[in-house]
Amino acid sequence: MKERIIVALDTDSPESALAAVRSLSGEVGLFKVGMELFQRGGPDLVRRIREAGCDVFLDLKFHDIPNTVAGAVRSAAAMGVRFTTVHASGGKAMLAAAAEAARGTGTTILAVTVLTSLDDGDLASVGFSLGAAEVVLRLADLAFTSGVGGIVCSAKEVAAVRARVGKEVALVTPGVRMAGEDAGDQKRVVTPADAVRLGADFLVVGRPITRASDPREAARAFASAMREGLARRGGD
């Protein structure tokens, strides 16, 4: 299960990020470099994480015209990242362009559906007439039919998405917390056991691991909970 844990390096300091990578190497599968950190560390940081023997999830959530997104995906793939993200709301042409740009590179495109920091009220405030659950399914369908290899969604929608897209598409779930933990700025959260039981393949975890008193032990606790969830779903 540890290979299915993606640790979010939620810092603006490349040196702090690399310290976390060294601390957690061997306990988790990937490290997520997001917008804040990439602005400081850039491609060199990605290279240094990979030279440490770790895979990278580059989470920049590309959302632009198809040609521009395709170019961004090619640049991400040239860094050797395992995953990179686009917004599913960018539309079918953009998603298809991203998928084609990644083809044969070893980089998998993940389409972000609805951020776990948003709920039905937030979506309504920006003009959506549908709730989060229905928007996620529509965007997941769009991503799947566009040839994207993975989908990012809340674990609250992951079972429904899995039923739509089958087992060929990787489902990545952020907004995961152990029972009783503070949800922070996340609104649609579940436990790691439930996320895996419902069909998630990879879990994105940040502060509950990186800010734990013993990050390695925290990572092991997440892996143990994920094994429990897999057993409850019957294993696969």
Protein backbone atom coordinates (compact mmCIF):
# COMPACT_ATOMS: atom_id res chain seq x y z
CA MET A 1 0.00 0.00 0.00
CA LYS A 2 2.85 2.43 0.59
CA GLU A 3 3.38 2.66 -3.18
CA ARG A 4 -0.14 4.11 -3.43
CA ILE A 5 0.58 7.02 -1.07
CA ILE A 6 1.37 10.36 -2.71
CA VAL A 7 2.84 12.82 -0.22
CA ALA A 8 2.06 16.46 -0.96
CA LEU A 9 5.11 18.64 -0.37
CA ASP A 10 3.12 21.65 0.84
CA THR A 11 5.96 24.12 1.29
CA ASP A 12 7.59 26.92 -0.69
CA SER A 13 11.07 25.76 0.32
CA PRO A 14 12.88 23.34 -2.00
CA GLU A 15 15.29 22.40 0.79
CA SER A 16 12.43 21.59 3.17
CA ALA A 17 10.80 19.56 0.43
CA LEU A 18 13.99 17.59 -0.19
CA ALA A 19 14.36 16.98 3.54
CA ALA A 20 10.85 15.49 3.56
CA VAL A 21 11.73 13.35 0.55
CA ARG A 22 14.82 12.01 2.29
CA SER A 23 12.87 11.39 5.48
CA LEU A 24 10.02 9.52 3.80
CA SER A 25 11.89 7.72 1.03
CA GLY A 26 10.95 4.05 1.10
CA GLU A 27 7.73 4.69 3.05
CA VAL A 28 5.61 6.24 0.26
CA GLY A 29 5.28 5.88 -3.50
CA LEU A 30 5.40 9.43 -4.88
CA PHE A 31 5.89 13.05 -3.94
CA LYS A 32 3.56 15.79 -5.17
CA VAL A 33 5.09 19.06 -6.31
CA GLY A 34 2.39 21.70 -6.55
CA MET A 35 2.16 25.28 -7.76
CA GLU A 36 3.65 26.96 -4.69
CA LEU A 37 6.72 24.73 -4.54
CA PHE A 38 7.32 24.57 -8.28
CA GLN A 39 7.52 28.37 -8.46
CA ARG A 40 10.56 28.19 -6.17
CA GLY A 41 12.18 24.91 -7.14
CA GLY A 42 11.26 24.51 -10.82
CA PRO A 43 12.50 21.65 -12.98
CA ASP A 44 15.70 21.39 -10.92
CA LEU A 45 13.72 20.35 -7.86
CA VAL A 46 11.90 17.69 -9.88
CA ARG A 47 15.27 16.42 -11.10
CA ARG A 48 16.67 16.26 -7.56
CA ILE A 49 13.66 14.32 -6.27
CA ARG A 50 13.98 11.86 -9.12
CA GLU A 51 17.73 11.53 -8.52
CA ALA A 52 16.84 10.54 -4.95
CA GLY A 53 15.09 7.53 -6.49
CA CYS A 54 11.53 8.84 -6.03
CA ASP A 55 8.67 9.39 -8.47
CA VAL A 56 7.06 12.81 -8.90
CA PHE A 57 3.45 13.90 -9.27
CA LEU A 58 3.62 17.37 -10.85
CA ASP A 59 0.37 19.04 -9.85
CA LEU A 60 0.10 22.29 -11.84
CA LYS A 61 -3.48 21.75 -13.06
CA PHE A 62 -3.05 22.98 -16.64
CA HIS A 63 -6.13 24.74 -18.05
CA ASP A 64 -5.74 26.64 -21.32
CA ILE A 65 -6.30 26.25 -25.04
CA PRO A 66 -5.49 22.75 -26.35
CA ASN A 67 -2.23 23.66 -28.06
CA THR A 68 -0.85 25.42 -25.00
CA VAL A 69 -1.80 22.56 -22.68
CA ALA A 70 -0.26 20.01 -25.04
CA GLY A 71 3.01 21.95 -24.94
CA ALA A 72 2.90 22.13 -21.15
CA VAL A 73 2.33 18.39 -20.94
CA ARG A 74 5.30 17.72 -23.22
CA SER A 75 7.47 19.89 -20.98
CA ALA A 76 6.28 18.04 -17.88
CA ALA A 77 6.89 14.67 -19.52
CA ALA A 78 10.43 15.74 -20.47
CA MET A 79 11.14 16.08 -16.73
CA GLY A 80 10.23 12.43 -16.27
CA VAL A 81 7.27 12.96 -13.94
CA ARG A 82 4.95 10.01 -13.41
CA PHE A 83 1.75 12.06 -13.14
CA THR A 84 0.74 15.57 -14.14
CA THR A 85 -2.65 17.26 -13.89
CA VAL A 86 -5.08 19.16 -16.09
CA HIS A 87 -8.49 20.57 -15.22
CA ALA A 88 -11.23 18.36 -16.68
CA SER A 89 -13.36 21.49 -17.08
CA GLY A 90 -11.00 22.57 -19.87
CA GLY A 91 -13.15 20.52 -22.24
CA LYS A 92 -12.84 17.54 -24.55
CA ALA A 93 -10.43 19.08 -27.09
CA MET A 94 -8.04 20.18 -24.35
CA LEU A 95 -8.20 16.82 -22.60
CA ALA A 96 -7.60 14.92 -25.83
CA ALA A 97 -4.64 17.16 -26.67
CA ALA A 98 -3.13 16.53 -23.24
CA ALA A 99 -3.62 12.76 -23.54
CA GLU A 100 -2.03 12.71 -26.99
CA ALA A 101 0.94 14.79 -25.84
CA ALA A 102 1.61 12.32 -23.01
CA ARG A 103 1.24 9.20 -25.14
CA GLY A 104 4.36 7.01 -25.02
CA THR A 105 6.23 9.27 -22.58
CA GLY A 106 5.68 7.35 -19.34
CA THR A 107 3.74 10.29 -17.89
CA THR A 108 0.07 9.77 -17.05
CA ILE A 109 -2.40 12.65 -17.32
CA LEU A 110 -4.73 13.07 -14.35
CA ALA A 111 -7.90 15.08 -14.96
CA VAL A 112 -8.99 17.07 -11.92
CA THR A 113 -12.77 17.06 -11.52
CA VAL A 114 -13.99 19.16 -8.55
CA LEU A 115 -11.51 20.33 -5.93
CA THR A 116 -12.07 18.80 -2.49
CA SER A 117 -12.10 22.33 -1.04
CA LEU A 118 -15.41 22.98 -2.85
CA ASP A 119 -18.91 21.85 -1.93
CA ASP A 120 -22.34 22.28 -3.53
CA GLY A 121 -22.70 25.82 -2.21
CA ASP A 122 -19.35 26.86 -3.65
CA LEU A 123 -20.28 25.44 -7.06
CA ALA A 124 -23.63 27.23 -6.99
CA SER A 125 -21.90 30.52 -6.20
CA VAL A 126 -19.92 30.34 -9.46
CA GLY A 127 -22.89 29.39 -11.61
CA PHE A 128 -23.13 25.60 -11.51
CA SER A 129 -26.71 24.33 -11.38
CA LEU A 130 -25.59 20.81 -10.45
CA GLY A 131 -24.12 19.57 -7.18
CA ALA A 132 -20.55 18.34 -6.79
CA ALA A 133 -21.43 14.67 -7.18
CA GLU A 134 -23.07 15.16 -10.58
CA VAL A 135 -20.41 17.59 -11.82
CA VAL A 136 -17.69 15.10 -10.91
CA LEU A 137 -19.41 12.32 -12.87
CA ARG A 138 -19.87 14.49 -15.94
CA LEU A 139 -16.25 15.61 -15.89
CA ALA A 140 -15.05 12.04 -15.27
CA ASP A 141 -17.03 10.83 -18.29
CA LEU A 142 -15.50 13.62 -20.39
CA ALA A 143 -11.97 12.78 -19.27
CA PHE A 144 -12.43 9.05 -19.84
CA THR A 145 -13.80 9.45 -23.36
CA SER A 146 -10.95 11.87 -24.16
CA GLY A 147 -8.31 9.22 -23.45
CA VAL A 148 -6.99 10.55 -20.15
CA GLY A 149 -5.28 7.90 -18.02
CA GLY A 150 -6.39 9.02 -14.57
CA ILE A 151 -8.96 11.07 -12.69
CA VAL A 152 -8.70 13.09 -9.48
CA CYS A 153 -11.86 13.13 -7.36
CA SER A 154 -13.01 13.12 -3.78
CA ALA A 155 -13.47 9.71 -2.19
CA LYS A 156 -17.10 10.68 -1.70
CA GLU A 157 -17.52 10.34 -5.47
CA VAL A 158 -14.91 7.68 -6.18
CA ALA A 159 -17.28 4.68 -6.11
CA ALA A 160 -19.61 6.30 -8.64
CA VAL A 161 -16.67 7.31 -10.84
CA ARG A 162 -15.22 3.79 -10.68
CA ALA A 163 -18.56 2.37 -11.79
CA ARG A 164 -18.50 4.71 -14.81
CA VAL A 165 -14.89 4.27 -15.97
CA GLY A 166 -14.06 0.68 -14.94
CA LYS A 167 -10.67 -0.51 -13.73
CA GLU A 168 -8.47 0.81 -16.53
CA VAL A 169 -8.34 4.40 -15.28
CA ALA A 170 -6.33 5.35 -12.17
CA LEU A 171 -8.38 7.15 -9.53
CA VAL A 172 -6.47 9.55 -7.31
CA THR A 173 -8.10 10.87 -4.16
CA PRO A 174 -7.04 13.91 -2.10
CA GLY A 175 -8.82 15.15 1.00
CA VAL A 176 -8.04 12.04 3.09
CA ARG A 177 -7.77 12.19 6.87
CA MET A 178 -7.48 9.60 9.63
CA ALA A 179 -10.57 9.39 11.83
CA GLY A 180 -10.73 12.34 14.21
CA GLU A 181 -8.17 14.49 12.40
CA ASP A 182 -8.79 18.14 11.55
CA ALA A 183 -10.07 18.45 7.96
CA GLY A 184 -8.23 21.76 7.49
CA ASP A 185 -9.37 23.48 4.27
CA GLN A 186 -10.90 20.29 2.86
CA LYS A 187 -14.69 19.90 2.78
CA ARG A 188 -15.32 16.46 1.23
CA VAL A 189 -13.10 14.13 3.24
CA VAL A 190 -13.04 10.43 4.16
CA THR A 191 -10.65 8.08 5.95
CA PRO A 192 -7.90 6.26 4.00
CA ALA A 193 -9.57 2.89 4.64
CA ASP A 194 -12.86 4.10 3.20
CA ALA A 195 -11.18 5.79 0.24
CA VAL A 196 -9.52 2.53 -0.84
CA ARG A 197 -12.62 0.46 -0.05
CA LEU A 198 -14.63 2.72 -2.34
CA GLY A 199 -12.20 2.29 -5.24
CA ALA A 200 -9.34 4.80 -4.97
CA ASP A 201 -5.98 3.66 -6.38
CA PHE A 202 -3.78 6.43 -4.97
CA LEU A 203 -4.25 8.76 -2.00
CA VAL A 204 -2.78 12.25 -1.77
CA VAL A 205 -1.78 13.10 1.80
CA GLY A 206 0.04 16.22 2.95
CA ARG A 207 0.04 17.67 6.43
CA PRO A 208 -1.20 14.55 8.28
CA ILE A 209 2.13 12.95 7.28
CA THR A 210 4.58 15.80 6.73
CA ARG A 211 3.65 17.64 9.93
CA ALA A 212 3.29 14.57 12.12
CA SER A 213 5.67 14.21 15.06
CA ASP A 214 6.98 11.06 13.33
CA PRO A 215 6.29 11.32 9.58
CA ARG A 216 7.53 7.80 8.80
CA GLU A 217 5.25 6.29 11.41
CA ALA A 218 2.35 8.42 10.13
CA ALA A 219 2.98 7.09 6.62
CA ARG A 220 2.96 3.52 7.95
CA ALA A 221 -0.36 4.19 9.72
CA PHE A 222 -1.88 5.40 6.44
CA ALA A 223 -0.56 2.33 4.61
CA SER A 224 -2.03 0.06 7.29
CA ALA A 225 -5.43 1.77 7.04
CA MET A 226 -5.31 1.44 3.25
CA ARG A 227 -4.60 -2.30 3.53
CA GLU A 228 -7.68 -2.58 5.74
CA GLY A 229 -9.75 -0.79 3.10
CA LEU A 230 -8.43 -3.04 0.34
CA ALA A 231 -9.29 -6.14 2.36
CA ARG A 232 -12.82 -4.82 2.89
CA ARG A 233 -13.23 -4.27 -0.85
CA GLY A 234 -11.99 -7.78 -1.55
CA GLY A 235 -8.50 -6.91 -2.84
CA ASP A 236 -7.48 -6.34 -6.44
